[in-house]
N, C-alpha and C. Protein backbone atom coordinates (compact mmCIF):
# COMPACT_ATOMS: atom_id res chain seq x y z
N GLN A 1 -6.31 -8.50 53.25
CA GLN A 1 -5.64 -7.35 53.82
C GLN A 1 -5.37 -6.34 52.72
N VAL A 2 -5.63 -5.09 53.02
CA VAL A 2 -5.36 -3.99 52.08
C VAL A 2 -3.99 -3.42 52.41
N ASN A 3 -3.15 -3.25 51.39
CA ASN A 3 -1.79 -2.78 51.59
C ASN A 3 -1.61 -1.29 51.31
N SER A 4 -2.42 -0.74 50.42
CA SER A 4 -2.34 0.69 50.14
C SER A 4 -3.64 1.15 49.50
N VAL A 5 -3.91 2.45 49.66
CA VAL A 5 -5.07 3.08 49.03
C VAL A 5 -4.62 4.46 48.55
N VAL A 6 -4.98 4.80 47.31
CA VAL A 6 -4.57 6.07 46.73
C VAL A 6 -5.77 6.69 46.02
N PHE A 7 -5.97 7.99 46.21
CA PHE A 7 -6.99 8.73 45.47
C PHE A 7 -6.49 9.01 44.05
N GLY A 8 -7.43 9.14 43.12
CA GLY A 8 -7.12 9.51 41.75
C GLY A 8 -8.32 10.18 41.11
N LEU A 9 -8.17 10.55 39.86
CA LEU A 9 -9.24 11.17 39.09
C LEU A 9 -9.86 12.37 39.82
N GLY A 10 -8.99 13.26 40.30
CA GLY A 10 -9.48 14.44 41.01
C GLY A 10 -10.23 14.10 42.28
N ASN A 11 -9.77 13.07 42.96
CA ASN A 11 -10.38 12.58 44.21
C ASN A 11 -11.77 11.99 44.01
N ARG A 12 -12.11 11.62 42.78
CA ARG A 12 -13.40 10.97 42.51
C ARG A 12 -13.31 9.46 42.57
N ALA A 13 -12.08 8.92 42.63
CA ALA A 13 -11.89 7.46 42.65
C ALA A 13 -10.74 7.11 43.59
N LEU A 14 -10.75 5.85 44.01
CA LEU A 14 -9.68 5.28 44.83
C LEU A 14 -9.22 4.00 44.16
N VAL A 15 -7.96 3.65 44.37
CA VAL A 15 -7.49 2.32 43.98
C VAL A 15 -6.81 1.72 45.20
N SER A 16 -7.18 0.48 45.51
CA SER A 16 -6.59 -0.21 46.66
C SER A 16 -5.83 -1.43 46.17
N ALA A 17 -4.77 -1.78 46.89
CA ALA A 17 -3.93 -2.94 46.57
C ALA A 17 -4.08 -3.96 47.70
N ALA A 18 -4.19 -5.24 47.36
CA ALA A 18 -4.52 -6.23 48.38
C ALA A 18 -3.65 -7.49 48.32
N ASN A 19 -3.67 -8.21 49.43
CA ASN A 19 -2.93 -9.47 49.55
C ASN A 19 -3.45 -10.57 48.64
N ASP A 20 -4.70 -10.47 48.20
CA ASP A 20 -5.27 -11.54 47.37
C ASP A 20 -4.81 -11.46 45.91
N GLY A 21 -3.88 -10.54 45.60
CA GLY A 21 -3.36 -10.43 44.24
C GLY A 21 -4.18 -9.52 43.33
N THR A 22 -5.11 -8.79 43.90
CA THR A 22 -5.94 -7.90 43.10
C THR A 22 -5.75 -6.45 43.51
N ALA A 23 -6.21 -5.56 42.65
CA ALA A 23 -6.37 -4.15 42.99
C ALA A 23 -7.84 -3.83 42.70
N GLN A 24 -8.41 -2.98 43.51
CA GLN A 24 -9.82 -2.62 43.36
C GLN A 24 -9.93 -1.13 43.07
N VAL A 25 -10.79 -0.78 42.13
CA VAL A 25 -11.07 0.63 41.84
C VAL A 25 -12.44 0.94 42.43
N TRP A 26 -12.49 2.02 43.21
CA TRP A 26 -13.68 2.40 43.95
C TRP A 26 -14.13 3.80 43.56
N CYS A 27 -15.42 4.02 43.53
CA CYS A 27 -15.98 5.36 43.34
C CYS A 27 -15.96 6.06 44.70
N ALA A 28 -15.29 7.19 44.77
CA ALA A 28 -15.18 7.91 46.05
C ALA A 28 -16.43 8.74 46.35
N ILE A 29 -17.37 8.75 45.45
CA ILE A 29 -18.61 9.49 45.69
C ILE A 29 -19.65 8.56 46.31
N GLY A 30 -19.91 7.42 45.67
CA GLY A 30 -20.89 6.47 46.19
C GLY A 30 -20.28 5.33 46.99
N TRP A 31 -18.94 5.28 47.05
CA TRP A 31 -18.19 4.26 47.79
C TRP A 31 -18.52 2.84 47.32
N GLU A 32 -18.72 2.70 46.00
CA GLU A 32 -18.97 1.37 45.43
C GLU A 32 -17.77 0.92 44.62
N ARG A 33 -17.52 -0.38 44.64
CA ARG A 33 -16.43 -0.93 43.83
C ARG A 33 -16.84 -0.88 42.37
N GLU A 34 -15.99 -0.32 41.53
CA GLU A 34 -16.28 -0.21 40.10
C GLU A 34 -15.65 -1.34 39.29
N LYS A 35 -14.45 -1.75 39.67
CA LYS A 35 -13.81 -2.84 38.94
C LYS A 35 -12.73 -3.47 39.78
N THR A 36 -12.41 -4.72 39.43
CA THR A 36 -11.34 -5.47 40.08
C THR A 36 -10.29 -5.78 39.03
N LEU A 37 -9.05 -5.44 39.32
CA LEU A 37 -7.94 -5.69 38.41
C LEU A 37 -7.30 -7.02 38.80
N VAL A 38 -7.44 -8.02 37.93
CA VAL A 38 -6.99 -9.38 38.21
C VAL A 38 -5.88 -9.76 37.25
N GLY A 39 -4.82 -10.39 37.77
CA GLY A 39 -3.74 -10.85 36.90
C GLY A 39 -2.47 -11.18 37.66
N HIS A 40 -2.22 -10.48 38.76
CA HIS A 40 -1.02 -10.78 39.56
C HIS A 40 -1.18 -12.13 40.24
N THR A 41 -0.04 -12.79 40.48
CA THR A 41 -0.06 -14.08 41.18
C THR A 41 0.50 -13.97 42.59
N GLY A 42 0.79 -12.76 43.02
CA GLY A 42 1.28 -12.51 44.38
C GLY A 42 0.58 -11.30 44.96
N THR A 43 0.89 -11.01 46.19
CA THR A 43 0.34 -9.85 46.88
C THR A 43 0.61 -8.58 46.08
N VAL A 44 -0.41 -7.74 45.92
CA VAL A 44 -0.23 -6.43 45.29
C VAL A 44 0.12 -5.45 46.41
N ARG A 45 1.30 -4.86 46.32
CA ARG A 45 1.80 -3.97 47.37
C ARG A 45 1.34 -2.53 47.21
N CYS A 46 1.24 -2.07 45.95
CA CYS A 46 0.84 -0.68 45.74
C CYS A 46 0.18 -0.53 44.38
N ALA A 47 -0.60 0.53 44.27
CA ALA A 47 -1.31 0.84 43.02
C ALA A 47 -1.49 2.35 42.96
N ALA A 48 -1.52 2.88 41.74
CA ALA A 48 -1.68 4.33 41.58
C ALA A 48 -2.26 4.65 40.21
N PHE A 49 -2.92 5.81 40.12
CA PHE A 49 -3.39 6.35 38.84
C PHE A 49 -2.28 7.18 38.21
N ASP A 50 -2.26 7.27 36.89
CA ASP A 50 -1.37 8.23 36.25
C ASP A 50 -1.98 9.62 36.39
N ALA A 51 -1.23 10.65 36.01
CA ALA A 51 -1.66 12.04 36.22
C ALA A 51 -2.96 12.37 35.49
N LYS A 52 -3.20 11.74 34.34
CA LYS A 52 -4.42 12.02 33.57
C LYS A 52 -5.58 11.11 33.95
N GLY A 53 -5.32 10.09 34.76
CA GLY A 53 -6.36 9.17 35.16
C GLY A 53 -6.74 8.17 34.10
N GLN A 54 -5.89 8.01 33.08
CA GLN A 54 -6.19 7.08 31.99
C GLN A 54 -5.63 5.69 32.24
N GLN A 55 -4.60 5.60 33.09
CA GLN A 55 -3.97 4.31 33.37
C GLN A 55 -3.80 4.15 34.87
N LEU A 56 -3.66 2.90 35.25
CA LEU A 56 -3.30 2.55 36.62
C LEU A 56 -2.02 1.72 36.54
N VAL A 57 -1.27 1.71 37.61
CA VAL A 57 -0.08 0.87 37.70
C VAL A 57 -0.14 0.12 39.02
N THR A 58 0.25 -1.16 38.98
CA THR A 58 0.30 -1.97 40.19
C THR A 58 1.66 -2.66 40.26
N ALA A 59 2.11 -2.91 41.49
CA ALA A 59 3.36 -3.64 41.73
C ALA A 59 3.08 -4.77 42.70
N SER A 60 3.64 -5.94 42.38
CA SER A 60 3.29 -7.14 43.14
C SER A 60 4.52 -7.93 43.57
N ASP A 61 4.32 -8.76 44.60
CA ASP A 61 5.35 -9.69 45.03
C ASP A 61 5.65 -10.75 43.98
N ASP A 62 4.83 -10.87 42.94
CA ASP A 62 5.11 -11.84 41.89
C ASP A 62 6.26 -11.36 40.99
N GLY A 63 6.80 -10.16 41.29
CA GLY A 63 7.94 -9.63 40.53
C GLY A 63 7.55 -8.83 39.31
N SER A 64 6.26 -8.49 39.20
CA SER A 64 5.83 -7.74 38.01
C SER A 64 5.19 -6.41 38.38
N ILE A 65 5.28 -5.51 37.42
CA ILE A 65 4.58 -4.23 37.44
C ILE A 65 3.60 -4.31 36.28
N ARG A 66 2.36 -3.99 36.52
CA ARG A 66 1.36 -4.06 35.45
C ARG A 66 0.73 -2.70 35.22
N LEU A 67 0.52 -2.39 33.95
CA LEU A 67 -0.21 -1.19 33.56
C LEU A 67 -1.60 -1.61 33.14
N TRP A 68 -2.60 -0.82 33.52
CA TRP A 68 -4.00 -1.15 33.29
C TRP A 68 -4.70 0.03 32.66
N ASN A 69 -5.65 -0.24 31.79
CA ASN A 69 -6.53 0.80 31.25
C ASN A 69 -7.53 1.14 32.34
N ALA A 70 -7.57 2.40 32.75
CA ALA A 70 -8.46 2.79 33.86
C ALA A 70 -9.93 2.70 33.50
N GLU A 71 -10.24 2.83 32.22
CA GLU A 71 -11.66 2.80 31.82
C GLU A 71 -12.24 1.39 31.84
N ASP A 72 -11.52 0.41 31.25
CA ASP A 72 -12.09 -0.93 31.17
C ASP A 72 -11.44 -1.95 32.11
N GLY A 73 -10.35 -1.56 32.79
CA GLY A 73 -9.70 -2.45 33.75
C GLY A 73 -8.87 -3.55 33.13
N LYS A 74 -8.57 -3.46 31.85
CA LYS A 74 -7.76 -4.49 31.19
C LYS A 74 -6.27 -4.18 31.31
N CYS A 75 -5.49 -5.24 31.51
CA CYS A 75 -4.04 -5.10 31.59
C CYS A 75 -3.50 -4.78 30.20
N THR A 76 -2.69 -3.73 30.09
CA THR A 76 -2.15 -3.32 28.80
C THR A 76 -0.67 -3.63 28.65
N ARG A 77 0.03 -3.85 29.76
CA ARG A 77 1.46 -4.14 29.69
C ARG A 77 1.91 -4.78 30.99
N ILE A 78 2.85 -5.72 30.86
CA ILE A 78 3.46 -6.36 32.03
C ILE A 78 4.96 -6.14 31.96
N LEU A 79 5.50 -5.57 33.01
CA LEU A 79 6.93 -5.36 33.13
C LEU A 79 7.43 -6.32 34.21
N ALA A 80 8.34 -7.19 33.83
CA ALA A 80 8.86 -8.17 34.78
C ALA A 80 10.15 -7.63 35.39
N ALA A 81 10.20 -7.66 36.71
CA ALA A 81 11.40 -7.22 37.41
C ALA A 81 12.23 -8.43 37.76
N ASP A 82 13.51 -8.34 37.54
CA ASP A 82 14.42 -9.44 37.92
C ASP A 82 14.87 -9.24 39.35
N LEU A 83 13.95 -9.50 40.25
CA LEU A 83 14.24 -9.32 41.68
C LEU A 83 14.18 -10.66 42.37
N PRO A 84 15.02 -10.86 43.38
CA PRO A 84 14.90 -12.10 44.16
C PRO A 84 13.58 -12.12 44.90
N ARG A 85 12.95 -13.25 44.92
CA ARG A 85 11.66 -13.38 45.61
C ARG A 85 11.90 -13.83 47.04
N PRO A 86 11.06 -13.33 47.96
CA PRO A 86 11.23 -13.71 49.38
C PRO A 86 10.96 -15.18 49.61
């Protein structure tokens, strides 16, 4: 199940957040998946590009927010939220 989809990079790319714990980056021109962001252990609720398109951010039910390098798809930082889990 896809939970959210957001355009980025001047509407040339999309990032989707999914129940399987991943986020997917898609080319909005050819509609092909470019990369899969893997690392969350819970449902990814939302994802977004930064204003310059250099980073992505994801938020998950695992209680973490992750920052990703938009070019290579590698996680660059994990922010843990002290939130009660459902």
